[in-house]
Each structure stands twice: as C-alpha cells, then as structure tokens.
C-alpha cells in the first residue's frame, strides 16, 4: 500500500499497538510464536528485544520493506486469524484510494471448532480421528475438532468449501474411526457368554478366553482378545458354566 509492502501475520492475539524495545505483553508473545512459525529462532518470554526485532526486520526486508530500528509499527502489519486464510472477495480495486474504514478484502468467518452431530456411543476406547477428503483430523472425547492446525487443514478440503458455498444447506460428512486401527474377530453373538458392560467370554480352541465386544453388524459381534491369543476355532454355543474371568 502506498508503494510499500504490508506484512501479513497470523498472531493468536492481534497486534493492537506499536512495539519497541522492552515492550512486554501477550501480544509480543504472540508475535514471537508467529516468527517461530515462519522459521525464525526467537525466544518466547514476551519481551520485544533485539532478537525479536531483528527476526521481524529480516522478514520485512526480504519482502522489500523497511523498518525503524527497534520498532514495529502496527500500520505496517495486516493481521489475520489463521495462517492459511483464503480470500472470499476482493472489495477494493487496484489503484483506488481507500478510506480508513473501507473494506479491502473479505475472508471467510474464522473456524473455531467443529462438533460431530450425534457421535457414536459405547465405542471402543482409543483416540479418534475424522477423515474428510483423506485428511485425518484429531477429535477429542466430546466429538470436537479444536486444534488450530486441524481446522486449518479442514478449510482446505473440497467438502468444507462446498459446505460454505451452500451457506449451510449441504451436509459436511466424514469417516469417524480410531487413530490407530485394532484387530477384531467376527463371531456369532451366541458364541459370547457371561456378557456384561462390553465384556464377555468365548470358548476358543477348547479354552475359555476373555473378550471385549467392540461392535456388531449384520448378525455378527466383533471382539478383541487379550494379547497373544489367536483363536482358530470358536464354539458357537458355549457351556456357560465354564469359568472365564
């Protein structure tokens, strides 16, 4: 702007003031985190020191700009909420004069979190992911995606783009699964006895074996067995008097 480059930074806290040596605060710490993301070796103590300024200077000068010694002017910074920001509309024309409150470009509303609608219950324990267009997104125990990096990946997918362009009319879907797959054995439901709270027993190769029931589908129960157990035959109608646990 006005024949000078304006540096775009995605700091967690907007840079709301000018900075100079010995300025301290969360905004400085956010700047330092962004400089580290951009490959600079700067501390994280929240002080605007010479090392922080010099890293900022190197980035500005690499893009053809200039800095004042020991200072960062917020007039030289364009703040965005996430590192990967996609411009939705360009509202200003090249060469036009801009008023202080005039919109230059419009970005999509920042994505803060994603919640799975009606997540499955009584699932096998373990960390979960949601696969959207091949992108694996970590999910917390409440069925939410909150990681900044994961959300940044999500907004680059065609599924998310279609969802936004439809203004919420379409459904955004994905595949909900364990982060690390586990081996399961399909057995007839009748093969499990002593079942309670997702646990039970089977007679495998003539021996009672404790199992965990992790799911069922199309008339089959899917079980896991203790490490080292690899049954080759399972009794479909076991003797429920046989002790197991």
C-alpha atoms as a PDB file:
ATOM      1  CA  UNK A   1       0.000   0.000   0.000  1.00  0.00           C
ATOM      2  CA  UNK A   2       1.287   3.482  -0.932  1.00  0.00           C
ATOM      3  CA  UNK A   3       4.312   1.881  -2.597  1.00  0.00           C
ATOM      4  CA  UNK A   4       5.330  -0.128   0.447  1.00  0.00           C
ATOM      5  CA  UNK A   5       4.749  -3.755   1.397  1.00  0.00           C
ATOM      6  CA  UNK A   6       2.422  -4.580   4.285  1.00  0.00           C
ATOM      7  CA  UNK A   7       3.396  -7.750   6.164  1.00  0.00           C
ATOM      8  CA  UNK A   8       0.602 -10.248   6.884  1.00  0.00           C
ATOM      9  CA  UNK A   9       0.952 -12.009  10.248  1.00  0.00           C
ATOM     10  CA  UNK A  10      -1.310 -14.614  11.855  1.00  0.00           C
ATOM     11  CA  UNK A  11      -0.771 -13.994  15.556  1.00  0.00           C
ATOM     12  CA  UNK A  12      -3.015 -15.589  18.168  1.00  0.00           C
ATOM     13  CA  UNK A  13      -3.539 -12.152  19.718  1.00  0.00           C
ATOM     14  CA  UNK A  14      -3.939  -9.198  17.304  1.00  0.00           C
ATOM     15  CA  UNK A  15      -1.096  -6.668  17.323  1.00  0.00           C
ATOM     16  CA  UNK A  16      -3.092  -3.758  18.738  1.00  0.00           C
ATOM     17  CA  UNK A  17      -0.216  -1.342  19.486  1.00  0.00           C
ATOM     18  CA  UNK A  18       3.169  -0.237  18.230  1.00  0.00           C
ATOM     19  CA  UNK A  19       6.092  -2.157  19.730  1.00  0.00           C
ATOM     20  CA  UNK A  20       9.576  -1.043  20.661  1.00  0.00           C
ATOM     21  CA  UNK A  21      12.422  -2.356  22.774  1.00  0.00           C
ATOM     22  CA  UNK A  22      11.341  -3.615  26.216  1.00  0.00           C
ATOM     23  CA  UNK A  23       7.627  -3.639  25.342  1.00  0.00           C
ATOM     24  CA  UNK A  24       6.123  -6.616  27.183  1.00  0.00           C
ATOM     25  CA  UNK A  25       2.850  -8.492  26.906  1.00  0.00           C
ATOM     26  CA  UNK A  26       0.804 -11.326  25.410  1.00  0.00           C
ATOM     27  CA  UNK A  27       0.785  -9.578  22.038  1.00  0.00           C
ATOM     28  CA  UNK A  28       4.595  -9.720  21.967  1.00  0.00           C
ATOM     29  CA  UNK A  29       4.498 -13.432  22.878  1.00  0.00           C
ATOM     30  CA  UNK A  30       2.021 -13.985  20.018  1.00  0.00           C
ATOM     31  CA  UNK A  31       4.361 -12.170  17.639  1.00  0.00           C
ATOM     32  CA  UNK A  32       7.269 -14.335  18.763  1.00  0.00           C
ATOM     33  CA  UNK A  33       5.216 -17.504  18.201  1.00  0.00           C
ATOM     34  CA  UNK A  34       4.384 -16.357  14.671  1.00  0.00           C
ATOM     35  CA  UNK A  35       8.025 -15.526  13.941  1.00  0.00           C
ATOM     36  CA  UNK A  36       8.990 -19.027  15.072  1.00  0.00           C
ATOM     37  CA  UNK A  37       6.335 -20.490  12.774  1.00  0.00           C
ATOM     38  CA  UNK A  38       7.954 -18.518   9.955  1.00  0.00           C
ATOM     39  CA  UNK A  39      11.292 -20.159  10.724  1.00  0.00           C
ATOM     40  CA  UNK A  40      12.966 -17.603  12.982  1.00  0.00           C
ATOM     41  CA  UNK A  41      14.821 -18.559  16.161  1.00  0.00           C
ATOM     42  CA  UNK A  42      13.294 -16.202  18.721  1.00  0.00           C
ATOM     43  CA  UNK A  43      12.522 -16.630  22.438  1.00  0.00           C
ATOM     44  CA  UNK A  44       9.042 -16.922  23.972  1.00  0.00           C
ATOM     45  CA  UNK A  45       9.432 -14.639  27.000  1.00  0.00           C
ATOM     46  CA  UNK A  46       7.011 -11.941  25.775  1.00  0.00           C
ATOM     47  CA  UNK A  47       9.619  -9.127  25.622  1.00  0.00           C
ATOM     48  CA  UNK A  48      10.215  -7.207  22.410  1.00  0.00           C
ATOM     49  CA  UNK A  49      14.007  -7.487  22.495  1.00  0.00           C
ATOM     50  CA  UNK A  50      16.682  -7.077  19.828  1.00  0.00           C
ATOM     51  CA  UNK A  51      16.458 -10.741  18.761  1.00  0.00           C
ATOM     52  CA  UNK A  52      12.704 -10.429  18.177  1.00  0.00           C
ATOM     53  CA  UNK A  53      13.028  -7.154  16.295  1.00  0.00           C
ATOM     54  CA  UNK A  54      15.873  -8.460  14.143  1.00  0.00           C
ATOM     55  CA  UNK A  55      13.847 -11.540  13.136  1.00  0.00           C
ATOM     56  CA  UNK A  56      10.942  -9.254  12.218  1.00  0.00           C
ATOM     57  CA  UNK A  57      13.332  -6.960  10.295  1.00  0.00           C
ATOM     58  CA  UNK A  58      14.709  -9.864   8.253  1.00  0.00           C
ATOM     59  CA  UNK A  59      11.227 -10.935   7.155  1.00  0.00           C
ATOM     60  CA  UNK A  60      10.197  -7.374   6.258  1.00  0.00           C
ATOM     61  CA  UNK A  61      13.373  -6.650   4.304  1.00  0.00           C
ATOM     62  CA  UNK A  62      13.107  -9.978   2.473  1.00  0.00           C
ATOM     63  CA  UNK A  63       9.792  -8.720   1.074  1.00  0.00           C
ATOM     64  CA  UNK A  64      11.246  -5.354   0.067  1.00  0.00           C
ATOM     65  CA  UNK A  65      10.157  -3.325   3.093  1.00  0.00           C
ATOM     66  CA  UNK A  66      11.997  -1.218   5.626  1.00  0.00           C
ATOM     67  CA  UNK A  67      11.856  -0.938   9.409  1.00  0.00           C
ATOM     68  CA  UNK A  68      12.825   1.615  12.029  1.00  0.00           C
ATOM     69  CA  UNK A  69      15.486   0.428  14.446  1.00  0.00           C
ATOM     70  CA  UNK A  70      13.982  -1.343  17.443  1.00  0.00           C
ATOM     71  CA  UNK A  71      10.367  -0.690  16.445  1.00  0.00           C
ATOM     72  CA  UNK A  72       7.348  -2.396  14.925  1.00  0.00           C
ATOM     73  CA  UNK A  73       4.532  -0.173  13.703  1.00  0.00           C
ATOM     74  CA  UNK A  74       1.095  -1.752  13.526  1.00  0.00           C
ATOM     75  CA  UNK A  75       0.478   0.349  10.384  1.00  0.00           C
ATOM     76  CA  UNK A  76       2.958  -1.975   8.637  1.00  0.00           C
ATOM     77  CA  UNK A  77       1.075  -5.152   9.678  1.00  0.00           C
ATOM     78  CA  UNK A  78      -2.041  -6.828   8.300  1.00  0.00           C
ATOM     79  CA  UNK A  79      -3.427  -9.235  10.905  1.00  0.00           C
ATOM     80  CA  UNK A  80      -5.250 -12.446  10.003  1.00  0.00           C
ATOM     81  CA  UNK A  81      -6.715 -15.021  12.383  1.00  0.00           C
ATOM     82  CA  UNK A  82      -5.202 -18.174  10.836  1.00  0.00           C
ATOM     83  CA  UNK A  83      -2.015 -18.859   8.856  1.00  0.00           C
ATOM     84  CA  UNK A  84      -3.961 -20.226   5.883  1.00  0.00           C
ATOM     85  CA  UNK A  85      -6.520 -17.556   5.007  1.00  0.00           C
ATOM     86  CA  UNK A  86      -8.486 -17.860   1.771  1.00  0.00           C
ATOM     87  CA  UNK A  87      -9.773 -14.571   0.343  1.00  0.00           C
ATOM     88  CA  UNK A  88     -13.516 -14.800  -0.261  1.00  0.00           C
ATOM     89  CA  UNK A  89     -13.959 -11.481  -2.094  1.00  0.00           C
ATOM     90  CA  UNK A  90     -11.667  -8.636  -3.214  1.00  0.00           C
ATOM     91  CA  UNK A  91     -13.594  -5.473  -2.417  1.00  0.00           C
ATOM     92  CA  UNK A  92     -11.039  -2.800  -3.407  1.00  0.00           C
ATOM     93  CA  UNK A  93      -9.780  -2.193  -6.935  1.00  0.00           C
ATOM     94  CA  UNK A  94      -6.112  -1.818  -7.783  1.00  0.00           C
ATOM     95  CA  UNK A  95      -5.146   1.859  -7.731  1.00  0.00           C
ATOM     96  CA  UNK A  96      -8.181   3.023  -5.782  1.00  0.00           C
ATOM     97  CA  UNK A  97      -7.928   5.336  -2.790  1.00  0.00           C
ATOM     98  CA  UNK A  98      -9.031   3.742   0.454  1.00  0.00           C
ATOM     99  CA  UNK A  99     -10.883   5.387   3.328  1.00  0.00           C
ATOM    100  CA  UNK A 100      -9.847   4.388   6.879  1.00  0.00           C
ATOM    101  CA  UNK A 101     -12.931   2.169   7.329  1.00  0.00           C
ATOM    102  CA  UNK A 102     -13.118   0.814   3.788  1.00  0.00           C
ATOM    103  CA  UNK A 103     -13.064  -2.947   3.232  1.00  0.00           C
ATOM    104  CA  UNK A 104     -10.124  -4.185   1.150  1.00  0.00           C
ATOM    105  CA  UNK A 105     -10.915  -7.900   1.119  1.00  0.00           C
ATOM    106  CA  UNK A 106     -13.312 -10.252   2.867  1.00  0.00           C
ATOM    107  CA  UNK A 107     -12.205 -13.511   4.460  1.00  0.00           C
ATOM    108  CA  UNK A 108     -14.480 -16.375   5.487  1.00  0.00           C
ATOM    109  CA  UNK A 109     -15.612 -16.417   9.117  1.00  0.00           C
ATOM    110  CA  UNK A 110     -12.819 -17.914  11.196  1.00  0.00           C
ATOM    111  CA  UNK A 111     -13.457 -21.551  12.079  1.00  0.00           C
ATOM    112  CA  UNK A 112     -13.008 -22.033  15.831  1.00  0.00           C
ATOM    113  CA  UNK A 113     -14.221 -25.596  16.316  1.00  0.00           C
ATOM    114  CA  UNK A 114     -16.213 -28.407  14.720  1.00  0.00           C
ATOM    115  CA  UNK A 115     -18.661 -30.628  16.592  1.00  0.00           C
ATOM    116  CA  UNK A 116     -19.756 -34.031  15.300  1.00  0.00           C
ATOM    117  CA  UNK A 117     -23.527 -34.285  15.331  1.00  0.00           C
ATOM    118  CA  UNK A 118     -24.746 -37.344  17.272  1.00  0.00           C
ATOM    119  CA  UNK A 119     -21.368 -39.095  17.661  1.00  0.00           C
ATOM    120  CA  UNK A 120     -21.497 -42.875  18.217  1.00  0.00           C
ATOM    121  CA  UNK A 121     -21.758 -44.086  21.802  1.00  0.00           C
ATOM    122  CA  UNK A 122     -20.306 -47.159  23.524  1.00  0.00           C
ATOM    123  CA  UNK A 123     -17.346 -47.245  21.155  1.00  0.00           C
ATOM    124  CA  UNK A 124     -14.016 -48.974  21.696  1.00  0.00           C
ATOM    125  CA  UNK A 125     -11.577 -46.909  23.759  1.00  0.00           C
ATOM    126  CA  UNK A 126      -8.813 -45.027  21.962  1.00  0.00           C
ATOM    127  CA  UNK A 127      -8.008 -41.743  20.261  1.00  0.00           C
ATOM    128  CA  UNK A 128     -10.299 -40.888  17.355  1.00  0.00           C
ATOM    129  CA  UNK A 129      -9.936 -39.109  14.028  1.00  0.00           C
ATOM    130  CA  UNK A 130     -12.353 -37.805  11.440  1.00  0.00           C
ATOM    131  CA  UNK A 131     -11.285 -38.347   7.821  1.00  0.00           C
ATOM    132  CA  UNK A 132     -12.556 -35.655   5.440  1.00  0.00           C
ATOM    133  CA  UNK A 133     -11.404 -35.952   1.818  1.00  0.00           C
ATOM    134  CA  UNK A 134      -8.466 -38.030   3.006  1.00  0.00           C
ATOM    135  CA  UNK A 135      -7.376 -35.520   5.669  1.00  0.00           C
ATOM    136  CA  UNK A 136      -7.088 -37.084   9.155  1.00  0.00           C
ATOM    137  CA  UNK A 137      -8.409 -34.683  11.835  1.00  0.00           C
ATOM    138  CA  UNK A 138      -7.971 -35.474  15.563  1.00  0.00           C
ATOM    139  CA  UNK A 139     -11.140 -35.490  17.682  1.00  0.00           C
ATOM    140  CA  UNK A 140     -11.424 -35.057  21.444  1.00  0.00           C
ATOM    141  CA  UNK A 141     -13.549 -37.192  23.777  1.00  0.00           C
ATOM    142  CA  UNK A 142     -16.570 -34.928  23.235  1.00  0.00           C
ATOM    143  CA  UNK A 143     -16.519 -35.327  19.453  1.00  0.00           C
ATOM    144  CA  UNK A 144     -14.973 -31.914  18.739  1.00  0.00           C
ATOM    145  CA  UNK A 145     -12.167 -30.718  16.498  1.00  0.00           C
ATOM    146  CA  UNK A 146     -10.457 -27.762  18.170  1.00  0.00           C
ATOM    147  CA  UNK A 147      -6.832 -27.965  17.047  1.00  0.00           C
ATOM    148  CA  UNK A 148      -5.829 -24.856  15.089  1.00  0.00           C
ATOM    149  CA  UNK A 149      -3.718 -26.943  12.710  1.00  0.00           C
ATOM    150  CA  UNK A 150      -6.538 -29.448  12.132  1.00  0.00           C
ATOM    151  CA  UNK A 151      -9.065 -26.695  11.452  1.00  0.00           C
ATOM    152  CA  UNK A 152      -6.639 -25.059   9.024  1.00  0.00           C
ATOM    153  CA  UNK A 153      -6.434 -28.375   7.138  1.00  0.00           C
ATOM    154  CA  UNK A 154     -10.218 -28.819   7.180  1.00  0.00           C
ATOM    155  CA  UNK A 155     -10.933 -25.486   5.493  1.00  0.00           C
ATOM    156  CA  UNK A 156      -8.755 -26.518   2.528  1.00  0.00           C
ATOM    157  CA  UNK A 157     -10.897 -29.574   1.733  1.00  0.00           C
ATOM    158  CA  UNK A 158     -13.478 -29.610  -1.097  1.00  0.00           C
ATOM    159  CA  UNK A 159     -16.103 -30.839   1.389  1.00  0.00           C
ATOM    160  CA  UNK A 160     -15.700 -27.743   3.548  1.00  0.00           C
ATOM    161  CA  UNK A 161     -15.631 -25.447   0.502  1.00  0.00           C
ATOM    162  CA  UNK A 162     -18.898 -26.936  -0.771  1.00  0.00           C
ATOM    163  CA  UNK A 163     -20.441 -26.605   2.685  1.00  0.00           C
ATOM    164  CA  UNK A 164     -19.535 -22.911   2.939  1.00  0.00           C
ATOM    165  CA  UNK A 165     -20.614 -22.110  -0.620  1.00  0.00           C
ATOM    166  CA  UNK A 166     -24.010 -23.707   0.047  1.00  0.00           C
ATOM    167  CA  UNK A 167     -24.430 -21.418   3.095  1.00  0.00           C
ATOM    168  CA  UNK A 168     -25.080 -24.400   5.344  1.00  0.00           C
ATOM    169  CA  UNK A 169     -27.580 -26.113   3.056  1.00  0.00           C
ATOM    170  CA  UNK A 170     -25.331 -29.119   2.393  1.00  0.00           C
ATOM    171  CA  UNK A 171     -24.081 -31.657   4.943  1.00  0.00           C
ATOM    172  CA  UNK A 172     -20.404 -31.935   5.812  1.00  0.00           C
ATOM    173  CA  UNK A 173     -19.589 -35.595   6.412  1.00  0.00           C
ATOM    174  CA  UNK A 174     -16.522 -37.697   7.131  1.00  0.00           C
ATOM    175  CA  UNK A 175     -15.355 -41.097   8.380  1.00  0.00           C
ATOM    176  CA  UNK A 176     -15.129 -41.467  12.175  1.00  0.00           C
ATOM    177  CA  UNK A 177     -12.541 -44.034  13.233  1.00  0.00           C
ATOM    178  CA  UNK A 178      -9.789 -44.960  15.650  1.00  0.00           C
ATOM    179  CA  UNK A 179      -6.499 -43.124  15.125  1.00  0.00           C
ATOM    180  CA  UNK A 180      -4.718 -46.478  15.425  1.00  0.00           C
ATOM    181  CA  UNK A 181      -6.640 -49.452  13.969  1.00  0.00           C
ATOM    182  CA  UNK A 182      -7.172 -52.558  16.081  1.00  0.00           C
ATOM    183  CA  UNK A 183      -7.656 -56.197  15.025  1.00  0.00           C
ATOM    184  CA  UNK A 184     -11.122 -57.621  15.686  1.00  0.00           C
ATOM    185  CA  UNK A 185     -12.611 -61.090  15.278  1.00  0.00           C
ATOM    186  CA  UNK A 186     -16.181 -61.554  13.983  1.00  0.00           C
ATOM    187  CA  UNK A 187     -18.139 -64.229  15.859  1.00  0.00           C
ATOM    188  CA  UNK A 188     -21.823 -65.175  16.163  1.00  0.00           C
ATOM    189  CA  UNK A 189     -23.431 -63.378  19.132  1.00  0.00           C
ATOM    190  CA  UNK A 190     -24.318 -66.793  20.563  1.00  0.00           C
ATOM    191  CA  UNK A 191     -20.613 -67.597  20.963  1.00  0.00           C
ATOM    192  CA  UNK A 192     -20.264 -64.977  23.724  1.00  0.00           C
ATOM    193  CA  UNK A 193     -21.319 -65.832  27.273  1.00  0.00           C
ATOM    194  CA  UNK A 194     -21.061 -64.016  30.575  1.00  0.00           C
ATOM    195  CA  UNK A 195     -21.540 -60.754  28.701  1.00  0.00           C
ATOM    196  CA  UNK A 196     -21.718 -57.567  30.801  1.00  0.00           C
ATOM    197  CA  UNK A 197     -20.623 -53.963  30.177  1.00  0.00           C
ATOM    198  CA  UNK A 198     -18.987 -54.790  26.862  1.00  0.00           C
ATOM    199  CA  UNK A 199     -17.042 -57.756  28.194  1.00  0.00           C
ATOM    200  CA  UNK A 200     -17.616 -61.495  28.000  1.00  0.00           C
ATOM    201  CA  UNK A 201     -16.012 -64.828  27.235  1.00  0.00           C
ATOM    202  CA  UNK A 202     -15.763 -67.324  24.393  1.00  0.00           C
ATOM    203  CA  UNK A 203     -14.615 -70.947  24.168  1.00  0.00           C
ATOM    204  CA  UNK A 204     -11.734 -70.824  21.687  1.00  0.00           C
ATOM    205  CA  UNK A 205      -9.722 -73.923  20.799  1.00  0.00           C
ATOM    206  CA  UNK A 206     -11.334 -75.616  23.798  1.00  0.00           C
ATOM    207  CA  UNK A 207     -10.251 -72.923  26.274  1.00  0.00           C
ATOM    208  CA  UNK A 208     -12.198 -70.089  27.922  1.00  0.00           C
ATOM    209  CA  UNK A 209     -10.907 -66.732  26.654  1.00  0.00           C
ATOM    210  CA  UNK A 210     -11.926 -63.259  27.950  1.00  0.00           C
ATOM    211  CA  UNK A 211     -13.012 -60.864  25.207  1.00  0.00           C
ATOM    212  CA  UNK A 212     -14.148 -57.283  24.765  1.00  0.00           C
ATOM    213  CA  UNK A 213     -17.093 -56.631  22.469  1.00  0.00           C
ATOM    214  CA  UNK A 214     -16.353 -53.525  20.374  1.00  0.00           C
ATOM    215  CA  UNK A 215     -19.255 -53.593  17.927  1.00  0.00           C
ATOM    216  CA  UNK A 216     -21.798 -55.591  15.975  1.00  0.00           C
ATOM    217  CA  UNK A 217     -23.167 -55.600  12.448  1.00  0.00           C
ATOM    218  CA  UNK A 218     -25.247 -57.881  10.225  1.00  0.00           C
ATOM    219  CA  UNK A 219     -25.664 -60.573  12.855  1.00  0.00           C
ATOM    220  CA  UNK A 220     -22.024 -60.697  13.889  1.00  0.00           C
ATOM    221  CA  UNK A 221     -20.284 -59.436  17.020  1.00  0.00           C
ATOM    222  CA  UNK A 222     -16.789 -58.012  16.718  1.00  0.00           C
ATOM    223  CA  UNK A 223     -14.482 -58.870  19.592  1.00  0.00           C
ATOM    224  CA  UNK A 224     -10.902 -58.313  20.691  1.00  0.00           C
ATOM    225  CA  UNK A 225      -8.930 -60.851  22.675  1.00  0.00           C
ATOM    226  CA  UNK A 226      -6.025 -60.479  25.054  1.00  0.00           C
ATOM    227  CA  UNK A 227      -2.548 -60.092  23.589  1.00  0.00           C
ATOM    228  CA  UNK A 228      -1.125 -63.374  22.328  1.00  0.00           C
ATOM    229  CA  UNK A 229      -4.480 -65.124  21.923  1.00  0.00           C
ATOM    230  CA  UNK A 230      -5.196 -66.042  18.308  1.00  0.00           C
ATOM    231  CA  UNK A 231      -8.106 -68.482  18.254  1.00  0.00           C
ATOM    232  CA  UNK A 232      -8.594 -70.651  15.207  1.00  0.00           C
ATOM    233  CA  UNK A 233     -11.934 -72.174  16.264  1.00  0.00           C
ATOM    234  CA  UNK A 234     -14.735 -70.768  18.407  1.00  0.00           C
ATOM    235  CA  UNK A 235     -17.584 -72.741  19.943  1.00  0.00           C
ATOM    236  CA  UNK A 236     -20.832 -71.174  18.710  1.00  0.00           C
ATOM    237  CA  UNK A 237     -22.891 -72.483  21.659  1.00  0.00           C
ATOM    238  CA  UNK A 238     -20.546 -72.476  24.670  1.00  0.00           C
ATOM    239  CA  UNK A 239     -21.124 -74.044  28.055  1.00  0.00           C
ATOM    240  CA  UNK A 240     -21.926 -71.019  30.170  1.00  0.00           C
ATOM    241  CA  UNK A 241     -20.849 -72.884  33.290  1.00  0.00           C
ATOM    242  CA  UNK A 242     -17.208 -72.692  32.186  1.00  0.00           C
ATOM    243  CA  UNK A 243     -15.440 -70.076  34.336  1.00  0.00           C
ATOM    244  CA  UNK A 244     -13.585 -67.351  32.451  1.00  0.00           C
ATOM    245  CA  UNK A 245     -12.977 -64.113  34.326  1.00  0.00           C
END
